[in-house]
PDB file of N, CA and C in Angstrom:
ATOM      1  N   UNK A   1       0.823  -1.204  -0.009  1.00  0.00           N
ATOM      2  CA  UNK A   1       0.006   0.001  -0.017  1.00  0.00           C
ATOM      3  C   UNK A   1       0.847   1.294   0.006  1.00  0.00           C
ATOM      4  N   UNK A   2       2.130   1.079   0.047  1.00  0.00           N
ATOM      5  CA  UNK A   2       3.005   2.281   0.083  1.00  0.00           C
ATOM      6  C   UNK A   2       2.891   3.148  -1.154  1.00  0.00           C
ATOM      7  N   UNK A   3       2.461   2.542  -2.313  1.00  0.00           N
ATOM      8  CA  UNK A   3       2.284   3.331  -3.505  1.00  0.00           C
ATOM      9  C   UNK A   3       1.139   4.300  -3.418  1.00  0.00           C
ATOM     10  N   UNK A   4       0.276   4.131  -2.374  1.00  0.00           N
ATOM     11  CA  UNK A   4      -0.887   5.012  -2.218  1.00  0.00           C
ATOM     12  C   UNK A   4      -0.521   6.273  -1.413  1.00  0.00           C
ATOM     13  N   UNK A   5       0.362   6.126  -0.452  1.00  0.00           N
ATOM     14  CA  UNK A   5       0.635   7.291   0.427  1.00  0.00           C
ATOM     15  C   UNK A   5       1.136   8.440  -0.393  1.00  0.00           C
ATOM     16  N   UNK A   6       0.624   9.601  -0.018  1.00  0.00           N
ATOM     17  CA  UNK A   6       1.019  10.845  -0.662  1.00  0.00           C
ATOM     18  C   UNK A   6       0.124  11.207  -1.876  1.00  0.00           C
ATOM     19  N   UNK A   7      -0.781  10.329  -2.245  1.00  0.00           N
ATOM     20  CA  UNK A   7      -1.697  10.632  -3.381  1.00  0.00           C
ATOM     21  C   UNK A   7      -2.723  11.642  -2.986  1.00  0.00           C
ATOM     22  N   UNK A   8      -3.310  12.337  -3.957  1.00  0.00           N
ATOM     23  CA  UNK A   8      -4.317  13.308  -3.699  1.00  0.00           C
ATOM     24  C   UNK A   8      -5.709  12.787  -3.994  1.00  0.00           C
ATOM     25  N   UNK A   9      -6.753  13.525  -3.706  1.00  0.00           N
ATOM     26  CA  UNK A   9      -8.118  13.135  -4.036  1.00  0.00           C
ATOM     27  C   UNK A   9      -8.310  12.926  -5.544  1.00  0.00           C
ATOM     28  N   UNK A  10      -7.639  13.753  -6.332  1.00  0.00           N
ATOM     29  CA  UNK A  10      -7.745  13.578  -7.775  1.00  0.00           C
ATOM     30  C   UNK A  10      -7.095  12.234  -8.208  1.00  0.00           C
ATOM     31  N   UNK A  11      -5.936  11.896  -7.619  1.00  0.00           N
ATOM     32  CA  UNK A  11      -5.332  10.594  -7.926  1.00  0.00           C
ATOM     33  C   UNK A  11      -6.245   9.466  -7.530  1.00  0.00           C
ATOM     34  N   UNK A  12      -6.875   9.526  -6.341  1.00  0.00           N
ATOM     35  CA  UNK A  12      -7.805   8.478  -5.898  1.00  0.00           C
ATOM     36  C   UNK A  12      -8.993   8.341  -6.842  1.00  0.00           C
ATOM     37  N   UNK A  13      -9.553   9.498  -7.259  1.00  0.00           N
ATOM     38  CA  UNK A  13     -10.683   9.517  -8.135  1.00  0.00           C
ATOM     39  C   UNK A  13     -10.346   8.792  -9.427  1.00  0.00           C
ATOM     40  N   UNK A  14      -9.159   9.150  -9.989  1.00  0.00           N
ATOM     41  CA  UNK A  14      -8.719   8.557 -11.244  1.00  0.00           C
ATOM     42  C   UNK A  14      -8.531   7.041 -11.100  1.00  0.00           C
ATOM     43  N   UNK A  15      -7.920   6.588  -9.956  1.00  0.00           N
ATOM     44  CA  UNK A  15      -7.736   5.176  -9.748  1.00  0.00           C
ATOM     45  C   UNK A  15      -9.060   4.414  -9.570  1.00  0.00           C
ATOM     46  N   UNK A  16     -10.015   5.013  -8.857  1.00  0.00           N
ATOM     47  CA  UNK A  16     -11.301   4.368  -8.698  1.00  0.00           C
ATOM     48  C   UNK A  16     -12.036   4.198 -10.028  1.00  0.00           C
ATOM     49  N   UNK A  17     -11.945   5.191 -10.912  1.00  0.00           N
ATOM     50  CA  UNK A  17     -12.602   5.111 -12.208  1.00  0.00           C
ATOM     51  C   UNK A  17     -11.901   4.121 -13.134  1.00  0.00           C
ATOM     52  N   UNK A  18     -10.622   3.902 -12.910  1.00  0.00           N
ATOM     53  CA  UNK A  18      -9.854   3.035 -13.820  1.00  0.00           C
ATOM     54  C   UNK A  18      -9.848   1.559 -13.389  1.00  0.00           C
ATOM     55  N   UNK A  19     -10.083   1.299 -12.101  1.00  0.00           N
ATOM     56  CA  UNK A  19      -9.955  -0.046 -11.623  1.00  0.00           C
ATOM     57  C   UNK A  19     -11.108  -0.960 -12.046  1.00  0.00           C
ATOM     58  N   UNK A  20     -10.840  -2.151 -12.361  1.00  0.00           N
ATOM     59  CA  UNK A  20     -11.863  -3.166 -12.678  1.00  0.00           C
ATOM     60  C   UNK A  20     -12.370  -3.812 -11.414  1.00  0.00           C
ATOM     61  N   UNK A  21     -13.442  -4.485 -11.503  1.00  0.00           N
ATOM     62  CA  UNK A  21     -13.977  -5.240 -10.361  1.00  0.00           C
ATOM     63  C   UNK A  21     -14.221  -6.682 -10.786  1.00  0.00           C
ATOM     64  N   UNK A  22     -13.377  -7.157 -11.683  1.00  0.00           N
ATOM     65  CA  UNK A  22     -13.576  -8.508 -12.203  1.00  0.00           C
ATOM     66  C   UNK A  22     -13.113  -9.615 -11.261  1.00  0.00           C
ATOM     67  N   UNK A  23     -12.186  -9.285 -10.374  1.00  0.00           N
ATOM     68  CA  UNK A  23     -11.735 -10.312  -9.481  1.00  0.00           C
ATOM     69  C   UNK A  23     -11.677  -9.788  -8.058  1.00  0.00           C
ATOM     70  N   UNK A  24     -11.471 -10.647  -7.107  1.00  0.00           N
ATOM     71  CA  UNK A  24     -11.538 -10.288  -5.683  1.00  0.00           C
ATOM     72  C   UNK A  24     -10.404  -9.274  -5.323  1.00  0.00           C
ATOM     73  N   UNK A  25      -9.274  -9.431  -5.915  1.00  0.00           N
ATOM     74  CA  UNK A  25      -8.158  -8.519  -5.610  1.00  0.00           C
ATOM     75  C   UNK A  25      -8.491  -7.099  -6.071  1.00  0.00           C
ATOM     76  N   UNK A  26      -9.080  -6.929  -7.278  1.00  0.00           N
ATOM     77  CA  UNK A  26      -9.468  -5.627  -7.766  1.00  0.00           C
ATOM     78  C   UNK A  26     -10.576  -5.049  -6.900  1.00  0.00           C
ATOM     79  N   UNK A  27     -11.568  -5.884  -6.501  1.00  0.00           N
ATOM     80  CA  UNK A  27     -12.634  -5.356  -5.662  1.00  0.00           C
ATOM     81  C   UNK A  27     -12.127  -4.854  -4.295  1.00  0.00           C
ATOM     82  N   UNK A  28     -11.171  -5.593  -3.742  1.00  0.00           N
ATOM     83  CA  UNK A  28     -10.563  -5.210  -2.487  1.00  0.00           C
ATOM     84  C   UNK A  28      -9.820  -3.842  -2.620  1.00  0.00           C
ATOM     85  N   UNK A  29      -9.044  -3.732  -3.709  1.00  0.00           N
ATOM     86  CA  UNK A  29      -8.331  -2.474  -3.952  1.00  0.00           C
ATOM     87  C   UNK A  29      -9.313  -1.300  -4.126  1.00  0.00           C
ATOM     88  N   UNK A  30     -10.411  -1.530  -4.851  1.00  0.00           N
ATOM     89  CA  UNK A  30     -11.429  -0.497  -5.058  1.00  0.00           C
ATOM     90  C   UNK A  30     -11.971  -0.082  -3.639  1.00  0.00           C
ATOM     91  N   UNK A  31     -12.301  -1.044  -2.850  1.00  0.00           N
ATOM     92  CA  UNK A  31     -12.846  -0.724  -1.491  1.00  0.00           C
ATOM     93  C   UNK A  31     -11.809   0.063  -0.686  1.00  0.00           C
ATOM     94  N   UNK A  32     -10.560  -0.314  -0.734  1.00  0.00           N
ATOM     95  CA  UNK A  32      -9.558   0.419  -0.005  1.00  0.00           C
ATOM     96  C   UNK A  32      -9.429   1.869  -0.504  1.00  0.00           C
ATOM     97  N   UNK A  33      -9.400   2.036  -1.799  1.00  0.00           N
ATOM     98  CA  UNK A  33      -9.305   3.429  -2.368  1.00  0.00           C
ATOM     99  C   UNK A  33     -10.566   4.197  -1.996  1.00  0.00           C
ATOM    100  N   UNK A  34     -11.719   3.554  -2.060  1.00  0.00           N
ATOM    101  CA  UNK A  34     -12.986   4.274  -1.693  1.00  0.00           C
ATOM    102  C   UNK A  34     -12.957   4.705  -0.236  1.00  0.00           C
ATOM    103  N   UNK A  35     -12.511   3.872   0.698  1.00  0.00           N
ATOM    104  CA  UNK A  35     -12.405   4.259   2.094  1.00  0.00           C
ATOM    105  C   UNK A  35     -11.455   5.420   2.261  1.00  0.00           C
ATOM    106  N   UNK A  36     -10.316   5.391   1.569  1.00  0.00           N
ATOM    107  CA  UNK A  36      -9.366   6.517   1.634  1.00  0.00           C
ATOM    108  C   UNK A  36     -10.051   7.787   1.120  1.00  0.00           C
ATOM    109  N   UNK A  37     -10.772   7.650   0.020  1.00  0.00           N
ATOM    110  CA  UNK A  37     -11.440   8.850  -0.569  1.00  0.00           C
ATOM    111  C   UNK A  37     -12.470   9.447   0.396  1.00  0.00           C
ATOM    112  N   UNK A  38     -13.276   8.587   0.995  1.00  0.00           N
ATOM    113  CA  UNK A  38     -14.317   9.061   1.922  1.00  0.00           C
ATOM    114  C   UNK A  38     -13.648   9.786   3.150  1.00  0.00           C
ATOM    115  N   UNK A  39     -12.568   9.186   3.637  1.00  0.00           N
ATOM    116  CA  UNK A  39     -11.884   9.873   4.738  1.00  0.00           C
ATOM    117  C   UNK A  39     -11.393  11.219   4.372  1.00  0.00           C
ATOM    118  N   UNK A  40     -10.691  11.272   3.221  1.00  0.00           N
ATOM    119  CA  UNK A  40     -10.096  12.512   2.806  1.00  0.00           C
ATOM    120  C   UNK A  40     -11.104  13.591   2.412  1.00  0.00           C
ATOM    121  N   UNK A  41     -12.171  13.185   1.793  1.00  0.00           N
ATOM    122  CA  UNK A  41     -13.150  14.147   1.303  1.00  0.00           C
ATOM    123  C   UNK A  41     -14.158  14.577   2.373  1.00  0.00           C
ATOM    124  N   UNK A  42     -14.503  13.672   3.289  1.00  0.00           N
ATOM    125  CA  UNK A  42     -15.593  14.003   4.235  1.00  0.00           C
ATOM    126  C   UNK A  42     -15.219  13.816   5.723  1.00  0.00           C
ATOM    127  N   UNK A  43     -14.624  12.719   6.079  1.00  0.00           N
ATOM    128  CA  UNK A  43     -14.425  12.426   7.518  1.00  0.00           C
ATOM    129  C   UNK A  43     -13.190  13.089   8.124  1.00  0.00           C
ATOM    130  N   UNK A  44     -12.060  13.002   7.377  1.00  0.00           N
ATOM    131  CA  UNK A  44     -10.805  13.509   7.927  1.00  0.00           C
ATOM    132  C   UNK A  44     -10.073  14.406   6.937  1.00  0.00           C
ATOM    133  N   UNK A  45     -10.716  15.491   6.496  1.00  0.00           N
ATOM    134  CA  UNK A  45     -10.028  16.339   5.529  1.00  0.00           C
ATOM    135  C   UNK A  45      -8.851  17.096   6.089  1.00  0.00           C
ATOM    136  N   UNK A  46      -7.811  17.310   5.335  1.00  0.00           N
ATOM    137  CA  UNK A  46      -6.690  18.040   5.796  1.00  0.00           C
ATOM    138  C   UNK A  46      -6.419  19.178   4.799  1.00  0.00           C
ATOM    139  N   UNK A  47      -5.626  20.159   5.215  1.00  0.00           N
ATOM    140  CA  UNK A  47      -5.285  21.259   4.347  1.00  0.00           C
ATOM    141  C   UNK A  47      -4.276  20.849   3.284  1.00  0.00           C
ATOM    142  N   UNK A  48      -3.529  19.792   3.538  1.00  0.00           N
ATOM    143  CA  UNK A  48      -2.479  19.300   2.626  1.00  0.00           C
ATOM    144  C   UNK A  48      -3.131  18.526   1.458  1.00  0.00           C
ATOM    145  N   UNK A  49      -4.260  17.889   1.712  1.00  0.00           N
ATOM    146  CA  UNK A  49      -5.021  17.143   0.689  1.00  0.00           C
ATOM    147  C   UNK A  49      -4.194  15.958   0.095  1.00  0.00           C
ATOM    148  N   UNK A  50      -3.411  15.337   0.973  1.00  0.00           N
ATOM    149  CA  UNK A  50      -2.696  14.124   0.529  1.00  0.00           C
ATOM    150  C   UNK A  50      -2.943  13.052   1.573  1.00  0.00           C
ATOM    151  N   UNK A  51      -2.896  11.813   1.082  1.00  0.00           N
ATOM    152  CA  UNK A  51      -3.086  10.693   2.059  1.00  0.00           C
ATOM    153  C   UNK A  51      -1.975  10.706   3.087  1.00  0.00           C
ATOM    154  N   UNK A  52      -2.368  10.538   4.361  1.00  0.00           N
ATOM    155  CA  UNK A  52      -1.413  10.492   5.467  1.00  0.00           C
ATOM    156  C   UNK A  52      -1.590   9.137   6.169  1.00  0.00           C
ATOM    157  N   UNK A  53      -0.680   8.844   7.105  1.00  0.00           N
ATOM    158  CA  UNK A  53      -0.783   7.548   7.852  1.00  0.00           C
ATOM    159  C   UNK A  53      -2.152   7.420   8.542  1.00  0.00           C
ATOM    160  N   UNK A  54      -2.769   8.498   9.032  1.00  0.00           N
ATOM    161  CA  UNK A  54      -4.081   8.393   9.678  1.00  0.00           C
ATOM    162  C   UNK A  54      -5.134   7.882   8.720  1.00  0.00           C
ATOM    163  N   UNK A  55      -5.044   8.229   7.435  1.00  0.00           N
ATOM    164  CA  UNK A  55      -5.954   7.785   6.442  1.00  0.00           C
ATOM    165  C   UNK A  55      -5.742   6.304   6.092  1.00  0.00           C
ATOM    166  N   UNK A  56      -4.477   5.873   6.171  1.00  0.00           N
ATOM    167  CA  UNK A  56      -4.150   4.501   5.782  1.00  0.00           C
ATOM    168  C   UNK A  56      -4.556   3.461   6.805  1.00  0.00           C
ATOM    169  N   UNK A  57      -4.516   3.792   8.064  1.00  0.00           N
ATOM    170  CA  UNK A  57      -4.770   2.800   9.139  1.00  0.00           C
ATOM    171  C   UNK A  57      -5.971   1.927   8.909  1.00  0.00           C
ATOM    172  N   UNK A  58      -7.152   2.455   8.582  1.00  0.00           N
ATOM    173  CA  UNK A  58      -8.347   1.586   8.481  1.00  0.00           C
ATOM    174  C   UNK A  58      -8.314   0.605   7.341  1.00  0.00           C
ATOM    175  N   UNK A  59      -7.571   0.864   6.250  1.00  0.00           N
ATOM    176  CA  UNK A  59      -7.679   0.003   5.062  1.00  0.00           C
ATOM    177  C   UNK A  59      -6.921  -1.286   5.202  1.00  0.00           C
ATOM    178  N   UNK A  60      -6.167  -1.478   6.272  1.00  0.00           N
ATOM    179  CA  UNK A  60      -5.437  -2.733   6.465  1.00  0.00           C
ATOM    180  C   UNK A  60      -6.272  -3.826   7.123  1.00  0.00           C
ATOM    181  N   UNK A  61      -7.445  -3.457   7.620  1.00  0.00           N
ATOM    182  CA  UNK A  61      -8.344  -4.436   8.261  1.00  0.00           C
ATOM    183  C   UNK A  61      -9.713  -4.306   7.613  1.00  0.00           C
ATOM    184  N   UNK A  62      -9.766  -4.606   6.320  1.00  0.00           N
ATOM    185  CA  UNK A  62     -11.021  -4.431   5.559  1.00  0.00           C
ATOM    186  C   UNK A  62     -12.105  -5.402   5.976  1.00  0.00           C
ATOM    187  N   UNK A  63     -11.733  -6.523   6.545  1.00  0.00           N
ATOM    188  CA  UNK A  63     -12.737  -7.532   6.927  1.00  0.00           C
ATOM    189  C   UNK A  63     -13.592  -7.018   8.139  1.00  0.00           C
ATOM    190  N   UNK A  64     -13.070  -6.081   8.875  1.00  0.00           N
ATOM    191  CA  UNK A  64     -13.825  -5.518  10.035  1.00  0.00           C
ATOM    192  C   UNK A  64     -14.156  -4.046   9.849  1.00  0.00           C
ATOM    193  N   UNK A  65     -14.130  -3.586   8.587  1.00  0.00           N
ATOM    194  CA  UNK A  65     -14.327  -2.168   8.331  1.00  0.00           C
ATOM    195  C   UNK A  65     -15.670  -1.632   8.830  1.00  0.00           C
ATOM    196  N   UNK A  66     -16.675  -2.477   8.752  1.00  0.00           N
ATOM    197  CA  UNK A  66     -18.036  -2.002   9.212  1.00  0.00           C
ATOM    198  C   UNK A  66     -18.128  -1.994  10.771  1.00  0.00           C
ATOM    199  N   UNK A  67     -17.234  -2.665  11.444  1.00  0.00           N
ATOM    200  CA  UNK A  67     -17.241  -2.721  12.891  1.00  0.00           C
ATOM    201  C   UNK A  67     -16.361  -1.661  13.457  1.00  0.00           C
ATOM    202  N   UNK A  68     -15.614  -0.967  12.665  1.00  0.00           N
ATOM    203  CA  UNK A  68     -14.661   0.066  13.123  1.00  0.00           C
ATOM    204  C   UNK A  68     -15.397   1.180  13.849  1.00  0.00           C
ATOM    205  N   UNK A  69     -14.793   1.701  14.884  1.00  0.00           N
ATOM    206  CA  UNK A  69     -15.342   2.798  15.647  1.00  0.00           C
ATOM    207  C   UNK A  69     -14.996   4.105  14.902  1.00  0.00           C
ATOM    208  N   UNK A  70     -15.764   4.459  13.868  1.00  0.00           N
ATOM    209  CA  UNK A  70     -15.464   5.595  13.035  1.00  0.00           C
ATOM    210  C   UNK A  70     -15.609   6.903  13.784  1.00  0.00           C
ATOM    211  N   UNK A  71     -16.538   6.943  14.728  1.00  0.00           N
ATOM    212  CA  UNK A  71     -16.736   8.174  15.539  1.00  0.00           C
ATOM    213  C   UNK A  71     -15.419   8.483  16.357  1.00  0.00           C
ATOM    214  N   UNK A  72     -14.850   7.455  16.972  1.00  0.00           N
ATOM    215  CA  UNK A  72     -13.622   7.654  17.755  1.00  0.00           C
ATOM    216  C   UNK A  72     -12.470   7.994  16.764  1.00  0.00           C
ATOM    217  N   UNK A  73     -12.427   7.387  15.657  1.00  0.00           N
ATOM    218  CA  UNK A  73     -11.393   7.653  14.612  1.00  0.00           C
ATOM    219  C   UNK A  73     -11.416   9.185  14.225  1.00  0.00           C
ATOM    220  N   UNK A  74     -12.599   9.696  13.939  1.00  0.00           N
ATOM    221  CA  UNK A  74     -12.727  11.086  13.589  1.00  0.00           C
ATOM    222  C   UNK A  74     -12.432  11.988  14.773  1.00  0.00           C
ATOM    223  N   UNK A  75     -12.946  11.615  15.942  1.00  0.00           N
ATOM    224  CA  UNK A  75     -12.729  12.455  17.166  1.00  0.00           C
ATOM    225  C   UNK A  75     -11.226  12.527  17.480  1.00  0.00           C
ATOM    226  N   UNK A  76     -10.516  11.378  17.425  1.00  0.00           N
ATOM    227  CA  UNK A  76      -9.085  11.396  17.697  1.00  0.00           C
ATOM    228  C   UNK A  76      -8.316  12.276  16.683  1.00  0.00           C
ATOM    229  N   UNK A  77      -8.780  12.219  15.444  1.00  0.00           N
ATOM    230  CA  UNK A  77      -8.168  13.044  14.415  1.00  0.00           C
ATOM    231  C   UNK A  77      -8.326  14.541  14.741  1.00  0.00           C
ATOM    232  N   UNK A  78      -9.528  14.937  15.169  1.00  0.00           N
ATOM    233  CA  UNK A  78      -9.836  16.324  15.517  1.00  0.00           C
ATOM    234  C   UNK A  78      -9.025  16.754  16.692  1.00  0.00           C
ATOM    235  N   UNK A  79      -8.999  15.903  17.726  1.00  0.00           N
ATOM    236  CA  UNK A  79      -8.244  16.214  18.941  1.00  0.00           C
ATOM    237  C   UNK A  79      -6.754  16.357  18.657  1.00  0.00           C
ATOM    238  N   UNK A  80      -6.196  15.483  17.827  1.00  0.00           N
ATOM    239  CA  UNK A  80      -4.794  15.597  17.453  1.00  0.00           C
ATOM    240  C   UNK A  80      -4.563  16.871  16.716  1.00  0.00           C
ATOM    241  N   UNK A  81      -5.448  17.265  15.810  1.00  0.00           N
ATOM    242  CA  UNK A  81      -5.275  18.519  15.080  1.00  0.00           C
ATOM    243  C   UNK A  81      -5.288  19.720  15.990  1.00  0.00           C
ATOM    244  N   UNK A  82      -6.198  19.743  16.935  1.00  0.00           N
ATOM    245  CA  UNK A  82      -6.272  20.862  17.898  1.00  0.00           C
ATOM    246  C   UNK A  82      -5.043  20.889  18.793  1.00  0.00           C
ATOM    247  N   UNK A  83      -4.639  19.742  19.233  1.00  0.00           N
ATOM    248  CA  UNK A  83      -3.441  19.665  20.101  1.00  0.00           C
ATOM    249  C   UNK A  83      -2.164  20.156  19.354  1.00  0.00           C
ATOM    250  N   UNK A  84      -2.026  19.663  18.124  1.00  0.00           N
ATOM    251  CA  UNK A  84      -0.871  20.077  17.297  1.00  0.00           C
ATOM    252  C   UNK A  84      -0.919  21.585  17.017  1.00  0.00           C
ATOM    253  N   UNK A  85      -2.100  22.123  16.801  1.00  0.00           N
ATOM    254  CA  UNK A  85      -2.252  23.558  16.568  1.00  0.00           C
ATOM    255  C   UNK A  85      -1.869  24.348  17.811  1.00  0.00           C
ATOM    256  N   UNK A  86      -2.367  23.920  18.975  1.00  0.00           N
ATOM    257  CA  UNK A  86      -2.075  24.630  20.244  1.00  0.00           C
ATOM    258  C   UNK A  86      -0.587  24.552  20.587  1.00  0.00           C
ATOM    259  N   UNK A  87       0.056  23.465  20.268  1.00  0.00           N
ATOM    260  CA  UNK A  87       1.496  23.331  20.541  1.00  0.00           C
ATOM    261  C   UNK A  87       2.332  24.261  19.702  1.00  0.00           C
ATOM    262  N   UNK A  88       1.818  24.606  18.532  1.00  0.00           N
ATOM    263  CA  UNK A  88       2.617  25.512  17.596  1.00  0.00           C
ATOM    264  C   UNK A  88       2.523  26.940  18.051  1.00  0.00           C
ATOM    265  N   UNK A  89       1.517  27.265  18.885  1.00  0.00           N
ATOM    266  CA  UNK A  89       1.292  28.656  19.304  1.00  0.00           C
ATOM    267  C   UNK A  89       2.250  28.998  20.482  1.00  0.00           C
TER     268      UNK A  89
END
């Protein structure tokens, strides 16, 4: 998955549109890219607009993706952002 880190929303959109869903490996890759896209566009947007480690974490356990505590994931992201901002002041 290291080839994904650093990509932008535009890159992810292009990859989602180009990927086939003919086999299980392609479907899994599509799901991973989709989860990254949703995080970057809606749940965990950043000013840098590139995939970061926080975006990558959920896609390594796709079999339990629906059981993930997304509320805590987003809240921790917000708390970290506020803490980092306050430390810079």
